[in-house]
Amino acid sequence: MLWTTEASGPVVDIEVRGDKQDLVVFASVSDDLGNIERIDGPSGARRSSTRVPTTTGELVLSGNGHTLALVGRDTVHHFSFVIDGEDPVVRGESVDCFDLPVRQSQGFSTD
């Protein structure tokens, strides 16, 4: 085993940022709040943590690893990663989610 680390709560979803060598962990920290945490792949060190107003959803990363969406049943929270390794920042307000047929055609879970 290379390393171990603890998330701030039960892990809801996890994604790898490819050539950025980061893991992105979505963890539930209370009944209605979650954290998105950036973990350094080689060392396991937590690079940043950002509070989000939900405990459910799927992480979806852009192909280049610069943009992250937390896709819920009714909302999508958008984040971008600052290139110099700072915290992810919210790019804007949550927006209405794609309707069900679009989500299914894009391969998103509908559970």
PDB file of N, CA and C in Angstrom:
ATOM      1  N   MET A   1       0.843  -1.164   0.000  1.00  0.00           N
ATOM      2  CA  MET A   1       0.000   0.000   0.000  1.00  0.00           C
ATOM      3  C   MET A   1       0.894   1.235   0.000  1.00  0.00           C
ATOM      4  N   LEU A   2       0.576   2.181  -0.881  1.00  0.00           N
ATOM      5  CA  LEU A   2       1.369   3.403  -0.995  1.00  0.00           C
ATOM      6  C   LEU A   2       1.094   4.377   0.144  1.00  0.00           C
ATOM      7  N   TRP A   3      -0.186   4.611   0.457  1.00  0.00           N
ATOM      8  CA  TRP A   3      -0.575   5.530   1.515  1.00  0.00           C
ATOM      9  C   TRP A   3      -2.040   5.314   1.881  1.00  0.00           C
ATOM     10  N   THR A   4      -2.437   5.851   3.027  1.00  0.00           N
ATOM     11  CA  THR A   4      -3.845   5.879   3.425  1.00  0.00           C
ATOM     12  C   THR A   4      -4.158   7.298   3.896  1.00  0.00           C
ATOM     13  N   THR A   5      -5.406   7.664   3.776  1.00  0.00           N
ATOM     14  CA  THR A   5      -5.851   8.970   4.257  1.00  0.00           C
ATOM     15  C   THR A   5      -7.312   8.846   4.643  1.00  0.00           C
ATOM     16  N   GLU A   6      -7.792   9.736   5.475  1.00  0.00           N
ATOM     17  CA  GLU A   6      -9.191   9.719   5.884  1.00  0.00           C
ATOM     18  C   GLU A   6      -9.932  10.882   5.266  1.00  0.00           C
ATOM     19  N   ALA A   7     -11.128  10.602   4.752  1.00  0.00           N
ATOM     20  CA  ALA A   7     -12.008  11.658   4.267  1.00  0.00           C
ATOM     21  C   ALA A   7     -12.693  12.297   5.469  1.00  0.00           C
ATOM     22  N   SER A   8     -13.339  13.423   5.245  1.00  0.00           N
ATOM     23  CA  SER A   8     -14.002  14.139   6.341  1.00  0.00           C
ATOM     24  C   SER A   8     -15.292  13.466   6.789  1.00  0.00           C
ATOM     25  N   GLY A   9     -15.734  12.443   6.077  1.00  0.00           N
ATOM     26  CA  GLY A   9     -16.939  11.696   6.421  1.00  0.00           C
ATOM     27  C   GLY A   9     -17.078  10.518   5.480  1.00  0.00           C
ATOM     28  N   PRO A  10     -18.215   9.837   5.521  1.00  0.00           N
ATOM     29  CA  PRO A  10     -18.425   8.712   4.615  1.00  0.00           C
ATOM     30  C   PRO A  10     -18.298   9.155   3.156  1.00  0.00           C
ATOM     31  N   VAL A  11     -17.557   8.372   2.359  1.00  0.00           N
ATOM     32  CA  VAL A  11     -17.310   8.710   0.959  1.00  0.00           C
ATOM     33  C   VAL A  11     -18.548   8.392   0.127  1.00  0.00           C
ATOM     34  N   VAL A  12     -19.010   9.394  -0.620  1.00  0.00           N
ATOM     35  CA  VAL A  12     -20.171   9.250  -1.505  1.00  0.00           C
ATOM     36  C   VAL A  12     -19.708   8.906  -2.908  1.00  0.00           C
ATOM     37  N   ASP A  13     -18.625   9.555  -3.388  1.00  0.00           N
ATOM     38  CA  ASP A  13     -18.102   9.310  -4.728  1.00  0.00           C
ATOM     39  C   ASP A  13     -16.635   9.698  -4.760  1.00  0.00           C
ATOM     40  N   ILE A  14     -15.915   9.158  -5.734  1.00  0.00           N
ATOM     41  CA  ILE A  14     -14.499   9.460  -5.895  1.00  0.00           C
ATOM     42  C   ILE A  14     -14.167   9.443  -7.378  1.00  0.00           C
ATOM     43  N   GLU A  15     -13.315  10.370  -7.809  1.00  0.00           N
ATOM     44  CA  GLU A  15     -12.862  10.449  -9.200  1.00  0.00           C
ATOM     45  C   GLU A  15     -11.362  10.701  -9.203  1.00  0.00           C
ATOM     46  N   VAL A  16     -10.698  10.295 -10.279  1.00  0.00           N
ATOM     47  CA  VAL A  16      -9.270  10.542 -10.466  1.00  0.00           C
ATOM     48  C   VAL A  16      -9.117  11.642 -11.507  1.00  0.00           C
ATOM     49  N   ARG A  17      -8.272  12.619 -11.235  1.00  0.00           N
ATOM     50  CA  ARG A  17      -8.052  13.725 -12.171  1.00  0.00           C
ATOM     51  C   ARG A  17      -6.977  13.409 -13.187  1.00  0.00           C
ATOM     52  N   GLY A  18      -6.822  12.173 -13.563  1.00  0.00           N
ATOM     53  CA  GLY A  18      -5.927  11.788 -14.661  1.00  0.00           C
ATOM     54  C   GLY A  18      -4.512  12.279 -14.489  1.00  0.00           C
ATOM     55  N   ASP A  19      -4.018  13.007 -15.504  1.00  0.00           N
ATOM     56  CA  ASP A  19      -2.626  13.452 -15.482  1.00  0.00           C
ATOM     57  C   ASP A  19      -2.354  14.533 -14.448  1.00  0.00           C
ATOM     58  N   LYS A  20      -3.389  15.008 -13.735  1.00  0.00           N
ATOM     59  CA  LYS A  20      -3.195  15.993 -12.663  1.00  0.00           C
ATOM     60  C   LYS A  20      -2.718  15.318 -11.377  1.00  0.00           C
ATOM     61  N   GLN A  21      -2.793  13.998 -11.310  1.00  0.00           N
ATOM     62  CA  GLN A  21      -2.371  13.190 -10.170  1.00  0.00           C
ATOM     63  C   GLN A  21      -3.092  13.542  -8.884  1.00  0.00           C
ATOM     64  N   ASP A  22      -4.367  13.901  -8.996  1.00  0.00           N
ATOM     65  CA  ASP A  22      -5.216  14.177  -7.840  1.00  0.00           C
ATOM     66  C   ASP A  22      -6.355  13.181  -7.799  1.00  0.00           C
ATOM     67  N   LEU A  23      -6.849  12.935  -6.600  1.00  0.00           N
ATOM     68  CA  LEU A  23      -8.122  12.263  -6.415  1.00  0.00           C
ATOM     69  C   LEU A  23      -9.105  13.328  -5.951  1.00  0.00           C
ATOM     70  N   VAL A  24     -10.338  13.236  -6.385  1.00  0.00           N
ATOM     71  CA  VAL A  24     -11.382  14.134  -5.913  1.00  0.00           C
ATOM     72  C   VAL A  24     -12.382  13.259  -5.171  1.00  0.00           C
ATOM     73  N   VAL A  25     -12.580  13.556  -3.895  1.00  0.00           N
ATOM     74  CA  VAL A  25     -13.450  12.762  -3.033  1.00  0.00           C
ATOM     75  C   VAL A  25     -14.645  13.621  -2.633  1.00  0.00           C
ATOM     76  N   PHE A  26     -15.841  13.055  -2.765  1.00  0.00           N
ATOM     77  CA  PHE A  26     -17.059  13.706  -2.281  1.00  0.00           C
ATOM     78  C   PHE A  26     -17.497  12.950  -1.045  1.00  0.00           C
ATOM     79  N   ALA A  27     -17.504  13.627   0.107  1.00  0.00           N
ATOM     80  CA  ALA A  27     -17.827  12.986   1.381  1.00  0.00           C
ATOM     81  C   ALA A  27     -18.999  13.698   2.047  1.00  0.00           C
ATOM     82  N   SER A  28     -19.811  12.932   2.745  1.00  0.00           N
ATOM     83  CA  SER A  28     -20.934  13.462   3.517  1.00  0.00           C
ATOM     84  C   SER A  28     -20.430  13.820   4.905  1.00  0.00           C
ATOM     85  N   VAL A  29     -20.683  15.064   5.350  1.00  0.00           N
ATOM     86  CA  VAL A  29     -20.209  15.467   6.675  1.00  0.00           C
ATOM     87  C   VAL A  29     -21.339  15.708   7.668  1.00  0.00           C
ATOM     88  N   SER A  30     -22.569  15.864   7.179  1.00  0.00           N
ATOM     89  CA  SER A  30     -23.739  16.012   8.051  1.00  0.00           C
ATOM     90  C   SER A  30     -24.965  15.628   7.233  1.00  0.00           C
ATOM     91  N   ASP A  31     -26.151  15.829   7.799  1.00  0.00           N
ATOM     92  CA  ASP A  31     -27.376  15.456   7.079  1.00  0.00           C
ATOM     93  C   ASP A  31     -27.575  16.233   5.792  1.00  0.00           C
ATOM     94  N   ASP A  32     -27.046  17.454   5.717  1.00  0.00           N
ATOM     95  CA  ASP A  32     -27.290  18.269   4.522  1.00  0.00           C
ATOM     96  C   ASP A  32     -26.044  18.954   3.954  1.00  0.00           C
ATOM     97  N   LEU A  33     -24.868  18.613   4.451  1.00  0.00           N
ATOM     98  CA  LEU A  33     -23.631  19.216   3.949  1.00  0.00           C
ATOM     99  C   LEU A  33     -22.619  18.143   3.571  1.00  0.00           C
ATOM    100  N   GLY A  34     -21.895  18.410   2.488  1.00  0.00           N
ATOM    101  CA  GLY A  34     -20.829  17.523   2.058  1.00  0.00           C
ATOM    102  C   GLY A  34     -19.550  18.307   1.854  1.00  0.00           C
ATOM    103  N   ASN A  35     -18.479  17.598   1.573  1.00  0.00           N
ATOM    104  CA  ASN A  35     -17.186  18.200   1.249  1.00  0.00           C
ATOM    105  C   ASN A  35     -16.682  17.612  -0.051  1.00  0.00           C
ATOM    106  N   ILE A  36     -16.087  18.461  -0.884  1.00  0.00           N
ATOM    107  CA  ILE A  36     -15.308  17.990  -2.021  1.00  0.00           C
ATOM    108  C   ILE A  36     -13.860  18.195  -1.630  1.00  0.00           C
ATOM    109  N   GLU A  37     -13.102  17.106  -1.619  1.00  0.00           N
ATOM    110  CA  GLU A  37     -11.721  17.145  -1.143  1.00  0.00           C
ATOM    111  C   GLU A  37     -10.777  16.734  -2.255  1.00  0.00           C
ATOM    112  N   ARG A  38      -9.707  17.504  -2.422  1.00  0.00           N
ATOM    113  CA  ARG A  38      -8.658  17.150  -3.381  1.00  0.00           C
ATOM    114  C   ARG A  38      -7.542  16.459  -2.619  1.00  0.00           C
ATOM    115  N   ILE A  39      -7.207  15.266  -3.056  1.00  0.00           N
ATOM    116  CA  ILE A  39      -6.157  14.476  -2.422  1.00  0.00           C
ATOM    117  C   ILE A  39      -5.025  14.305  -3.428  1.00  0.00           C
ATOM    118  N   ASP A  40      -3.790  14.587  -3.000  1.00  0.00           N
ATOM    119  CA  ASP A  40      -2.628  14.406  -3.854  1.00  0.00           C
ATOM    120  C   ASP A  40      -2.398  12.909  -4.078  1.00  0.00           C
ATOM    121  N   GLY A  41      -2.384  12.488  -5.331  1.00  0.00           N
ATOM    122  CA  GLY A  41      -2.233  11.076  -5.657  1.00  0.00           C
ATOM    123  C   GLY A  41      -0.940  10.453  -5.157  1.00  0.00           C
ATOM    124  N   PRO A  42       0.210  11.057  -5.430  1.00  0.00           N
ATOM    125  CA  PRO A  42       1.461  10.441  -5.002  1.00  0.00           C
ATOM    126  C   PRO A  42       1.663  10.377  -3.491  1.00  0.00           C
ATOM    127  N   SER A  43       1.186  11.392  -2.743  1.00  0.00           N
ATOM    128  CA  SER A  43       1.476  11.432  -1.303  1.00  0.00           C
ATOM    129  C   SER A  43       0.286  11.111  -0.408  1.00  0.00           C
ATOM    130  N   GLY A  44      -0.946  11.312  -0.897  1.00  0.00           N
ATOM    131  CA  GLY A  44      -2.131  11.132  -0.062  1.00  0.00           C
ATOM    132  C   GLY A  44      -2.474  12.357   0.765  1.00  0.00           C
ATOM    133  N   ALA A  45      -1.724  13.447   0.597  1.00  0.00           N
ATOM    134  CA  ALA A  45      -1.978  14.670   1.362  1.00  0.00           C
ATOM    135  C   ALA A  45      -3.232  15.366   0.843  1.00  0.00           C
ATOM    136  N   ARG A  46      -4.037  15.891   1.766  1.00  0.00           N
ATOM    137  CA  ARG A  46      -5.219  16.663   1.370  1.00  0.00           C
ATOM    138  C   ARG A  46      -4.763  18.025   0.884  1.00  0.00           C
ATOM    139  N   ARG A  47      -5.092  18.358  -0.371  1.00  0.00           N
ATOM    140  CA  ARG A  47      -4.706  19.650  -0.944  1.00  0.00           C
ATOM    141  C   ARG A  47      -5.725  20.732  -0.612  1.00  0.00           C
ATOM    142  N   SER A  48      -7.010  20.364  -0.586  1.00  0.00           N
ATOM    143  CA  SER A  48      -8.035  21.356  -0.284  1.00  0.00           C
ATOM    144  C   SER A  48      -9.337  20.653   0.049  1.00  0.00           C
ATOM    145  N   SER A  49     -10.239  21.415   0.627  1.00  0.00           N
ATOM    146  CA  SER A  49     -11.566  20.916   0.960  1.00  0.00           C
ATOM    147  C   SER A  49     -12.560  22.050   0.776  1.00  0.00           C
ATOM    148  N   THR A  50     -13.665  21.766   0.101  1.00  0.00           N
ATOM    149  CA  THR A  50     -14.682  22.774  -0.167  1.00  0.00           C
ATOM    150  C   THR A  50     -16.044  22.242   0.257  1.00  0.00           C
ATOM    151  N   ARG A  51     -16.755  22.991   1.082  1.00  0.00           N
ATOM    152  CA  ARG A  51     -18.078  22.598   1.572  1.00  0.00           C
ATOM    153  C   ARG A  51     -19.107  22.768   0.467  1.00  0.00           C
ATOM    154  N   VAL A  52     -20.023  21.806   0.346  1.00  0.00           N
ATOM    155  CA  VAL A  52     -21.112  21.880  -0.629  1.00  0.00           C
ATOM    156  C   VAL A  52     -22.435  21.616   0.077  1.00  0.00           C
ATOM    157  N   PRO A  53     -23.546  22.191  -0.433  1.00  0.00           N
ATOM    158  CA  PRO A  53     -24.834  22.101   0.266  1.00  0.00           C
ATOM    159  C   PRO A  53     -25.642  20.851  -0.082  1.00  0.00           C
ATOM    160  N   THR A  54     -24.974  19.710  -0.178  1.00  0.00           N
ATOM    161  CA  THR A  54     -25.676  18.458  -0.478  1.00  0.00           C
ATOM    162  C   THR A  54     -24.836  17.276  -0.023  1.00  0.00           C
ATOM    163  N   THR A  55     -25.488  16.139   0.172  1.00  0.00           N
ATOM    164  CA  THR A  55     -24.775  14.914   0.544  1.00  0.00           C
ATOM    165  C   THR A  55     -24.994  13.804  -0.474  1.00  0.00           C
ATOM    166  N   THR A  56     -25.642  14.136  -1.586  1.00  0.00           N
ATOM    167  CA  THR A  56     -25.895  13.137  -2.625  1.00  0.00           C
ATOM    168  C   THR A  56     -25.447  13.682  -3.974  1.00  0.00           C
ATOM    169  N   GLY A  57     -25.127  12.789  -4.883  1.00  0.00           N
ATOM    170  CA  GLY A  57     -24.765  13.183  -6.232  1.00  0.00           C
ATOM    171  C   GLY A  57     -23.568  12.413  -6.745  1.00  0.00           C
ATOM    172  N   GLU A  58     -23.269  12.648  -8.025  1.00  0.00           N
ATOM    173  CA  GLU A  58     -22.139  12.026  -8.702  1.00  0.00           C
ATOM    174  C   GLU A  58     -21.145  13.083  -9.116  1.00  0.00           C
ATOM    175  N   LEU A  59     -19.865  12.790  -8.943  1.00  0.00           N
ATOM    176  CA  LEU A  59     -18.813  13.670  -9.446  1.00  0.00           C
ATOM    177  C   LEU A  59     -18.586  13.370 -10.922  1.00  0.00           C
ATOM    178  N   VAL A  60     -18.510  14.410 -11.738  1.00  0.00           N
ATOM    179  CA  VAL A  60     -18.212  14.260 -13.162  1.00  0.00           C
ATOM    180  C   VAL A  60     -17.130  15.272 -13.503  1.00  0.00           C
ATOM    181  N   LEU A  61     -15.974  14.775 -13.969  1.00  0.00           N
ATOM    182  CA  LEU A  61     -14.847  15.641 -14.326  1.00  0.00           C
ATOM    183  C   LEU A  61     -14.799  15.869 -15.820  1.00  0.00           C
ATOM    184  N   SER A  62     -14.365  17.066 -16.221  1.00  0.00           N
ATOM    185  CA  SER A  62     -14.146  17.331 -17.641  1.00  0.00           C
ATOM    186  C   SER A  62     -12.948  16.526 -18.117  1.00  0.00           C
ATOM    187  N   GLY A  63     -12.818  16.378 -19.416  1.00  0.00           N
ATOM    188  CA  GLY A  63     -11.726  15.608 -19.993  1.00  0.00           C
ATOM    189  C   GLY A  63     -10.352  16.132 -19.620  1.00  0.00           C
ATOM    190  N   ASN A  64     -10.207  17.451 -19.489  1.00  0.00           N
ATOM    191  CA  ASN A  64      -8.897  18.011 -19.150  1.00  0.00           C
ATOM    192  C   ASN A  64      -8.680  18.124 -17.636  1.00  0.00           C
ATOM    193  N   GLY A  65      -9.679  17.756 -16.832  1.00  0.00           N
ATOM    194  CA  GLY A  65      -9.540  17.769 -15.380  1.00  0.00           C
ATOM    195  C   GLY A  65      -9.624  19.135 -14.736  1.00  0.00           C
ATOM    196  N   HIS A  66     -10.030  20.164 -15.489  1.00  0.00           N
ATOM    197  CA  HIS A  66     -10.079  21.517 -14.941  1.00  0.00           C
ATOM    198  C   HIS A  66     -11.440  21.889 -14.377  1.00  0.00           C
ATOM    199  N   THR A  67     -12.489  21.160 -14.758  1.00  0.00           N
ATOM    200  CA  THR A  67     -13.844  21.501 -14.337  1.00  0.00           C
ATOM    201  C   THR A  67     -14.501  20.272 -13.719  1.00  0.00           C
ATOM    202  N   LEU A  68     -15.275  20.503 -12.671  1.00  0.00           N
ATOM    203  CA  LEU A  68     -15.950  19.434 -11.953  1.00  0.00           C
ATOM    204  C   LEU A  68     -17.418  19.782 -11.814  1.00  0.00           C
ATOM    205  N   ALA A  69     -18.275  18.793 -12.008  1.00  0.00           N
ATOM    206  CA  ALA A  69     -19.703  18.958 -11.735  1.00  0.00           C
ATOM    207  C   ALA A  69     -20.096  17.943 -10.674  1.00  0.00           C
ATOM    208  N   LEU A  70     -20.896  18.382  -9.737  1.00  0.00           N
ATOM    209  CA  LEU A  70     -21.521  17.491  -8.768  1.00  0.00           C
ATOM    210  C   LEU A  70     -22.972  17.403  -9.206  1.00  0.00           C
ATOM    211  N   VAL A  71     -23.333  16.278  -9.810  1.00  0.00           N
ATOM    212  CA  VAL A  71     -24.636  16.107 -10.438  1.00  0.00           C
ATOM    213  C   VAL A  71     -25.583  15.407  -9.481  1.00  0.00           C
ATOM    214  N   GLY A  72     -26.621  16.128  -9.087  1.00  0.00           N
ATOM    215  CA  GLY A  72     -27.652  15.568  -8.228  1.00  0.00           C
ATOM    216  C   GLY A  72     -28.910  15.289  -9.024  1.00  0.00           C
ATOM    217  N   ARG A  73     -29.946  14.852  -8.343  1.00  0.00           N
ATOM    218  CA  ARG A  73     -31.208  14.555  -9.014  1.00  0.00           C
ATOM    219  C   ARG A  73     -31.824  15.800  -9.642  1.00  0.00           C
ATOM    220  N   ASP A  74     -31.753  16.943  -8.947  1.00  0.00           N
ATOM    221  CA  ASP A  74     -32.400  18.171  -9.415  1.00  0.00           C
ATOM    222  C   ASP A  74     -31.463  19.345  -9.629  1.00  0.00           C
ATOM    223  N   THR A  75     -30.191  19.203  -9.300  1.00  0.00           N
ATOM    224  CA  THR A  75     -29.255  20.320  -9.424  1.00  0.00           C
ATOM    225  C   THR A  75     -27.899  19.847  -9.934  1.00  0.00           C
ATOM    226  N   VAL A  76     -27.158  20.788 -10.470  1.00  0.00           N
ATOM    227  CA  VAL A  76     -25.763  20.548 -10.852  1.00  0.00           C
ATOM    228  C   VAL A  76     -24.937  21.678 -10.255  1.00  0.00           C
ATOM    229  N   HIS A  77     -23.970  21.340  -9.423  1.00  0.00           N
ATOM    230  CA  HIS A  77     -23.053  22.327  -8.853  1.00  0.00           C
ATOM    231  C   HIS A  77     -21.777  22.283  -9.691  1.00  0.00           C
ATOM    232  N   HIS A  78     -21.330  23.447 -10.167  1.00  0.00           N
ATOM    233  CA  HIS A  78     -20.141  23.523 -11.020  1.00  0.00           C
ATOM    234  C   HIS A  78     -18.970  24.101 -10.241  1.00  0.00           C
ATOM    235  N   PHE A  79     -17.782  23.514 -10.451  1.00  0.00           N
ATOM    236  CA  PHE A  79     -16.555  23.964  -9.815  1.00  0.00           C
ATOM    237  C   PHE A  79     -15.458  24.011 -10.869  1.00  0.00           C
ATOM    238  N   SER A  80     -14.464  24.856 -10.637  1.00  0.00           N
ATOM    239  CA  SER A  80     -13.272  24.824 -11.479  1.00  0.00           C
ATOM    240  C   SER A  80     -12.068  24.710 -10.557  1.00  0.00           C
ATOM    241  N   PHE A  81     -11.003  24.134 -11.063  1.00  0.00           N
ATOM    242  CA  PHE A  81      -9.779  23.992 -10.287  1.00  0.00           C
ATOM    243  C   PHE A  81      -8.823  25.096 -10.682  1.00  0.00           C
ATOM    244  N   VAL A  82      -8.330  25.819  -9.692  1.00  0.00           N
ATOM    245  CA  VAL A  82      -7.332  26.845  -9.941  1.00  0.00           C
ATOM    246  C   VAL A  82      -6.033  26.123 -10.279  1.00  0.00           C
ATOM    247  N   ILE A  83      -5.375  26.550 -11.324  1.00  0.00           N
ATOM    248  CA  ILE A  83      -4.227  25.823 -11.861  1.00  0.00           C
ATOM    249  C   ILE A  83      -3.076  25.687 -10.864  1.00  0.00           C
ATOM    250  N   ASP A  84      -2.855  26.671  -9.992  1.00  0.00           N
ATOM    251  CA  ASP A  84      -1.713  26.611  -9.079  1.00  0.00           C
ATOM    252  C   ASP A  84      -1.968  25.761  -7.844  1.00  0.00           C
ATOM    253  N   GLY A  85      -3.052  24.989  -7.815  1.00  0.00           N
ATOM    254  CA  GLY A  85      -3.279  24.065  -6.725  1.00  0.00           C
ATOM    255  C   GLY A  85      -4.119  24.598  -5.595  1.00  0.00           C
ATOM    256  N   GLU A  86      -4.732  25.764  -5.747  1.00  0.00           N
ATOM    257  CA  GLU A  86      -5.596  26.299  -4.708  1.00  0.00           C
ATOM    258  C   GLU A  86      -6.913  25.523  -4.667  1.00  0.00           C
ATOM    259  N   ASP A  87      -7.786  25.903  -3.746  1.00  0.00           N
ATOM    260  CA  ASP A  87      -9.085  25.245  -3.608  1.00  0.00           C
ATOM    261  C   ASP A  87      -9.901  25.342  -4.890  1.00  0.00           C
ATOM    262  N   PRO A  88     -10.741  24.317  -5.154  1.00  0.00           N
ATOM    263  CA  PRO A  88     -11.706  24.481  -6.236  1.00  0.00           C
ATOM    264  C   PRO A  88     -12.660  25.608  -5.857  1.00  0.00           C
ATOM    265  N   VAL A  89     -13.099  26.361  -6.814  1.00  0.00           N
ATOM    266  CA  VAL A  89     -14.015  27.465  -6.527  1.00  0.00           C
ATOM    267  C   VAL A  89     -15.312  27.261  -7.288  1.00  0.00           C
ATOM    268  N   VAL A  90     -16.422  27.669  -6.674  1.00  0.00           N
ATOM    269  CA  VAL A  90     -17.715  27.554  -7.323  1.00  0.00           C
ATOM    270  C   VAL A  90     -17.743  28.518  -8.496  1.00  0.00           C
ATOM    271  N   ARG A  91     -18.092  28.024  -9.690  1.00  0.00           N
ATOM    272  CA  ARG A  91     -18.131  28.848 -10.889  1.00  0.00           C
ATOM    273  C   ARG A  91     -19.425  29.610 -11.016  1.00  0.00           C
ATOM    274  N   GLY A  92     -20.456  29.222 -10.303  1.00  0.00           N
ATOM    275  CA  GLY A  92     -21.726  29.911 -10.421  1.00  0.00           C
ATOM    276  C   GLY A  92     -22.782  29.237  -9.585  1.00  0.00           C
ATOM    277  N   GLU A  93     -23.996  29.714  -9.732  1.00  0.00           N
ATOM    278  CA  GLU A  93     -25.121  29.157  -8.998  1.00  0.00           C
ATOM    279  C   GLU A  93     -25.423  27.747  -9.483  1.00  0.00           C
ATOM    280  N   SER A  94     -26.053  26.971  -8.637  1.00  0.00           N
ATOM    281  CA  SER A  94     -26.552  25.671  -9.069  1.00  0.00           C
ATOM    282  C   SER A  94     -27.628  25.906 -10.112  1.00  0.00           C
ATOM    283  N   VAL A  95     -27.701  25.025 -11.084  1.00  0.00           N
ATOM    284  CA  VAL A  95     -28.675  25.181 -12.161  1.00  0.00           C
ATOM    285  C   VAL A  95     -29.587  23.965 -12.196  1.00  0.00           C
ATOM    286  N   ASP A  96     -30.751  24.125 -12.843  1.00  0.00           N
ATOM    287  CA  ASP A  96     -31.636  22.979 -12.997  1.00  0.00           C
ATOM    288  C   ASP A  96     -30.901  21.877 -13.735  1.00  0.00           C
ATOM    289  N   CYS A  97     -31.124  20.658 -13.312  1.00  0.00           N
ATOM    290  CA  CYS A  97     -30.454  19.511 -13.906  1.00  0.00           C
ATOM    291  C   CYS A  97     -31.077  19.174 -15.252  1.00  0.00           C
ATOM    292  N   PHE A  98     -30.315  18.440 -16.079  1.00  0.00           N
ATOM    293  CA  PHE A  98     -30.859  17.927 -17.331  1.00  0.00           C
ATOM    294  C   PHE A  98     -32.107  17.113 -17.040  1.00  0.00           C
ATOM    295  N   ASP A  99     -33.045  17.086 -17.966  1.00  0.00           N
ATOM    296  CA  ASP A  99     -34.210  16.232 -17.757  1.00  0.00           C
ATOM    297  C   ASP A  99     -33.783  14.768 -17.848  1.00  0.00           C
ATOM    298  N   LEU A 100     -34.620  13.878 -17.369  1.00  0.00           N
ATOM    299  CA  LEU A 100     -34.283  12.463 -17.229  1.00  0.00           C
ATOM    300  C   LEU A 100     -33.788  11.823 -18.526  1.00  0.00           C
ATOM    301  N   PRO A 101     -34.464  11.977 -19.693  1.00  0.00           N
ATOM    302  CA  PRO A 101     -33.949  11.329 -20.904  1.00  0.00           C
ATOM    303  C   PRO A 101     -32.545  11.803 -21.283  1.00  0.00           C
ATOM    304  N   VAL A 102     -32.237  13.079 -21.082  1.00  0.00           N
ATOM    305  CA  VAL A 102     -30.907  13.578 -21.403  1.00  0.00           C
ATOM    306  C   VAL A 102     -29.884  12.965 -20.461  1.00  0.00           C
ATOM    307  N   ARG A 103     -30.196  12.890 -19.175  1.00  0.00           N
ATOM    308  CA  ARG A 103     -29.273  12.296 -18.203  1.00  0.00           C
ATOM    309  C   ARG A 103     -29.000  10.840 -18.548  1.00  0.00           C
ATOM    310  N   GLN A 104     -30.043  10.097 -18.918  1.00  0.00           N
ATOM    311  CA  GLN A 104     -29.841   8.697 -19.269  1.00  0.00           C
ATOM    312  C   GLN A 104     -28.981   8.562 -20.508  1.00  0.00           C
ATOM    313  N   SER A 105     -29.201   9.435 -21.509  1.00  0.00           N
ATOM    314  CA  SER A 105     -28.416   9.331 -22.737  1.00  0.00           C
ATOM    315  C   SER A 105     -26.965   9.713 -22.511  1.00  0.00           C
ATOM    316  N   GLN A 106     -26.684  10.513 -21.480  1.00  0.00           N
ATOM    317  CA  GLN A 106     -25.320  10.910 -21.153  1.00  0.00           C
ATOM    318  C   GLN A 106     -24.646   9.915 -20.218  1.00  0.00           C
ATOM    319  N   GLY A 107     -25.374   8.885 -19.776  1.00  0.00           N
ATOM    320  CA  GLY A 107     -24.790   7.863 -18.923  1.00  0.00           C
ATOM    321  C   GLY A 107     -24.795   8.178 -17.450  1.00  0.00           C
ATOM    322  N   PHE A 108     -25.546   9.196 -17.011  1.00  0.00           N
ATOM    323  CA  PHE A 108     -25.625   9.516 -15.586  1.00  0.00           C
ATOM    324  C   PHE A 108     -26.597   8.565 -14.897  1.00  0.00           C
ATOM    325  N   SER A 109     -26.280   8.228 -13.668  1.00  0.00           N
ATOM    326  CA  SER A 109     -27.164   7.400 -12.865  1.00  0.00           C
ATOM    327  C   SER A 109     -28.461   8.146 -12.591  1.00  0.00           C
ATOM    328  N   THR A 110     -29.564   7.440 -12.589  1.00  0.00           N
ATOM    329  CA  THR A 110     -30.850   8.065 -12.281  1.00  0.00           C
ATOM    330  C   THR A 110     -31.427   7.519 -10.996  1.00  0.00           C
ATOM    331  N   ASP A 111     -30.618   6.822 -10.206  1.00  0.00           N
ATOM    332  CA  ASP A 111     -31.083   6.280  -8.926  1.00  0.00           C
ATOM    333  C   ASP A 111     -31.118   7.354  -7.874  1.00  0.00           C
TER     334      ASP A 111
END
